[in-house]
Structures are given as structure tokens and as C-alpha cells.
């Protein structure tokens, strides 16, 4: 029985793509909520102050991004381990 040498790597690549899709969904939900707010204030004498505020990033974004990167790293490690 012949086993494809990169079968496990391709499987990990597919799992990484699932995490990538989840990261995209989390980011799109966050971005659609208009997370940035700005204000331009006139301080007088031609001086203006631009303030930009950002709402807190969703915890799921960090978790999914970490898992995505972990799977990509595992994909690269698989061919090296099979030698």
C-alpha cells in the first residue's frame, strides 16, 4: 500500500483554511459594527485635534488567528518530519 508522503500536510492545510475562514468571519463581524469612531475638535487659533477611538477587539479573533497560524506551522513541519 502506497501512502502519499504529503497526505497529512494537505490535511493540515485544509484545516488551516477552515480556521482562516473563521478568522475572516470574526473580522467581518467586528468591522461591520463600525469599530472606529473619530472626532475633529477646533481648539482655537487654527489648532485642530483629531481623536480616533477603537472599540475592543473580539477575543475570538485572537484565538482563531492563533489556531490558524498553528495549523500553517504544522503543515510546514509535516514534510520535514516524514524524511
C-alpha atoms as a PDB file:
ATOM      1  CA  UNK A   1       0.000   0.000   0.000  1.00  0.00           C
ATOM      2  CA  UNK A   2       1.460   3.335  -1.124  1.00  0.00           C
ATOM      3  CA  UNK A   3       0.964   6.266   1.229  1.00  0.00           C
ATOM      4  CA  UNK A   4       1.225   9.738  -0.259  1.00  0.00           C
ATOM      5  CA  UNK A   5       4.112  11.469   1.560  1.00  0.00           C
ATOM      6  CA  UNK A   6       2.280  14.786   1.880  1.00  0.00           C
ATOM      7  CA  UNK A   7      -1.187  13.460   2.774  1.00  0.00           C
ATOM      8  CA  UNK A   8      -1.007  14.677   6.382  1.00  0.00           C
ATOM      9  CA  UNK A   9       0.360  18.045   5.276  1.00  0.00           C
ATOM     10  CA  UNK A  10      -2.531  18.514   2.841  1.00  0.00           C
ATOM     11  CA  UNK A  11      -4.988  17.571   5.572  1.00  0.00           C
ATOM     12  CA  UNK A  12      -3.452  20.161   7.907  1.00  0.00           C
ATOM     13  CA  UNK A  13      -3.576  22.718   5.089  1.00  0.00           C
ATOM     14  CA  UNK A  14      -7.317  22.122   4.718  1.00  0.00           C
ATOM     15  CA  UNK A  15      -7.812  22.502   8.482  1.00  0.00           C
ATOM     16  CA  UNK A  16      -5.808  25.753   8.378  1.00  0.00           C
ATOM     17  CA  UNK A  17      -8.130  27.017   5.645  1.00  0.00           C
ATOM     18  CA  UNK A  18     -11.134  26.350   7.899  1.00  0.00           C
ATOM     19  CA  UNK A  19      -9.532  28.489  10.605  1.00  0.00           C
ATOM     20  CA  UNK A  20      -8.785  31.168   8.014  1.00  0.00           C
ATOM     21  CA  UNK A  21     -12.459  31.273   7.058  1.00  0.00           C
ATOM     22  CA  UNK A  22     -13.438  31.618  10.725  1.00  0.00           C
ATOM     23  CA  UNK A  23     -10.912  34.458  11.207  1.00  0.00           C
ATOM     24  CA  UNK A  24     -12.452  36.192   8.189  1.00  0.00           C
ATOM     25  CA  UNK A  25     -15.965  35.834   9.604  1.00  0.00           C
ATOM     26  CA  UNK A  26     -14.929  37.182  13.026  1.00  0.00           C
ATOM     27  CA  UNK A  27     -13.131  40.127  11.416  1.00  0.00           C
ATOM     28  CA  UNK A  28     -16.059  40.933   9.130  1.00  0.00           C
ATOM     29  CA  UNK A  29     -18.481  40.906  12.079  1.00  0.00           C
ATOM     30  CA  UNK A  30     -16.158  43.201  14.025  1.00  0.00           C
ATOM     31  CA  UNK A  31     -15.596  45.549  11.088  1.00  0.00           C
ATOM     32  CA  UNK A  32     -19.305  45.756  10.207  1.00  0.00           C
ATOM     33  CA  UNK A  33     -20.041  47.120  13.684  1.00  0.00           C
ATOM     34  CA  UNK A  34     -18.090  50.286  12.793  1.00  0.00           C
ATOM     35  CA  UNK A  35     -15.426  49.783  15.481  1.00  0.00           C
ATOM     36  CA  UNK A  36     -13.715  53.127  14.870  1.00  0.00           C
ATOM     37  CA  UNK A  37     -15.032  56.495  15.952  1.00  0.00           C
ATOM     38  CA  UNK A  38     -13.451  59.848  15.213  1.00  0.00           C
ATOM     39  CA  UNK A  39     -13.845  63.432  16.321  1.00  0.00           C
ATOM     40  CA  UNK A  40     -12.293  66.633  14.995  1.00  0.00           C
ATOM     41  CA  UNK A  41     -12.235  69.415  17.588  1.00  0.00           C
ATOM     42  CA  UNK A  42     -11.275  73.018  16.961  1.00  0.00           C
ATOM     43  CA  UNK A  43      -9.018  74.123  19.810  1.00  0.00           C
ATOM     44  CA  UNK A  44      -8.784  77.747  18.645  1.00  0.00           C
ATOM     45  CA  UNK A  45      -6.095  79.767  16.845  1.00  0.00           C
ATOM     46  CA  UNK A  46      -6.186  77.401  13.876  1.00  0.00           C
ATOM     47  CA  UNK A  47      -5.400  74.333  16.000  1.00  0.00           C
ATOM     48  CA  UNK A  48      -7.470  71.182  15.488  1.00  0.00           C
ATOM     49  CA  UNK A  49      -7.350  67.944  17.449  1.00  0.00           C
ATOM     50  CA  UNK A  50      -8.245  64.693  15.672  1.00  0.00           C
ATOM     51  CA  UNK A  51      -9.187  61.860  18.035  1.00  0.00           C
ATOM     52  CA  UNK A  52      -9.674  58.288  16.842  1.00  0.00           C
ATOM     53  CA  UNK A  53     -11.130  55.662  19.157  1.00  0.00           C
ATOM     54  CA  UNK A  54     -11.357  51.949  18.575  1.00  0.00           C
ATOM     55  CA  UNK A  55     -13.676  49.526  20.301  1.00  0.00           C
ATOM     56  CA  UNK A  56     -12.162  46.476  21.929  1.00  0.00           C
ATOM     57  CA  UNK A  57     -11.134  43.659  19.572  1.00  0.00           C
ATOM     58  CA  UNK A  58     -13.131  40.458  19.892  1.00  0.00           C
ATOM     59  CA  UNK A  59     -11.424  37.651  21.825  1.00  0.00           C
ATOM     60  CA  UNK A  60     -12.409  35.155  19.142  1.00  0.00           C
ATOM     61  CA  UNK A  61     -10.225  36.957  16.629  1.00  0.00           C
ATOM     62  CA  UNK A  62      -7.049  36.292  18.613  1.00  0.00           C
ATOM     63  CA  UNK A  63      -7.997  32.679  19.307  1.00  0.00           C
ATOM     64  CA  UNK A  64      -8.861  31.841  15.695  1.00  0.00           C
ATOM     65  CA  UNK A  65      -5.811  33.669  14.322  1.00  0.00           C
ATOM     66  CA  UNK A  66      -3.569  31.730  16.711  1.00  0.00           C
ATOM     67  CA  UNK A  67      -5.087  28.407  15.694  1.00  0.00           C
ATOM     68  CA  UNK A  68      -4.793  29.321  12.016  1.00  0.00           C
ATOM     69  CA  UNK A  69      -1.094  30.151  12.377  1.00  0.00           C
ATOM     70  CA  UNK A  70      -0.518  26.988  14.406  1.00  0.00           C
ATOM     71  CA  UNK A  71      -2.028  24.839  11.657  1.00  0.00           C
ATOM     72  CA  UNK A  72       0.049  26.575   8.987  1.00  0.00           C
ATOM     73  CA  UNK A  73       3.197  25.913  11.018  1.00  0.00           C
ATOM     74  CA  UNK A  74       2.193  22.271  11.478  1.00  0.00           C
ATOM     75  CA  UNK A  75       1.676  21.992   7.726  1.00  0.00           C
ATOM     76  CA  UNK A  76       5.250  23.124   7.123  1.00  0.00           C
ATOM     77  CA  UNK A  77       6.616  20.771   9.789  1.00  0.00           C
ATOM     78  CA  UNK A  78       4.944  17.645   8.398  1.00  0.00           C
ATOM     79  CA  UNK A  79       7.180  17.148   5.298  1.00  0.00           C
ATOM     80  CA  UNK A  80      10.307  17.698   7.418  1.00  0.00           C
ATOM     81  CA  UNK A  81       9.220  15.064   9.930  1.00  0.00           C
ATOM     82  CA  UNK A  82       8.483  12.461   7.262  1.00  0.00           C
ATOM     83  CA  UNK A  83      12.063  12.404   5.910  1.00  0.00           C
END
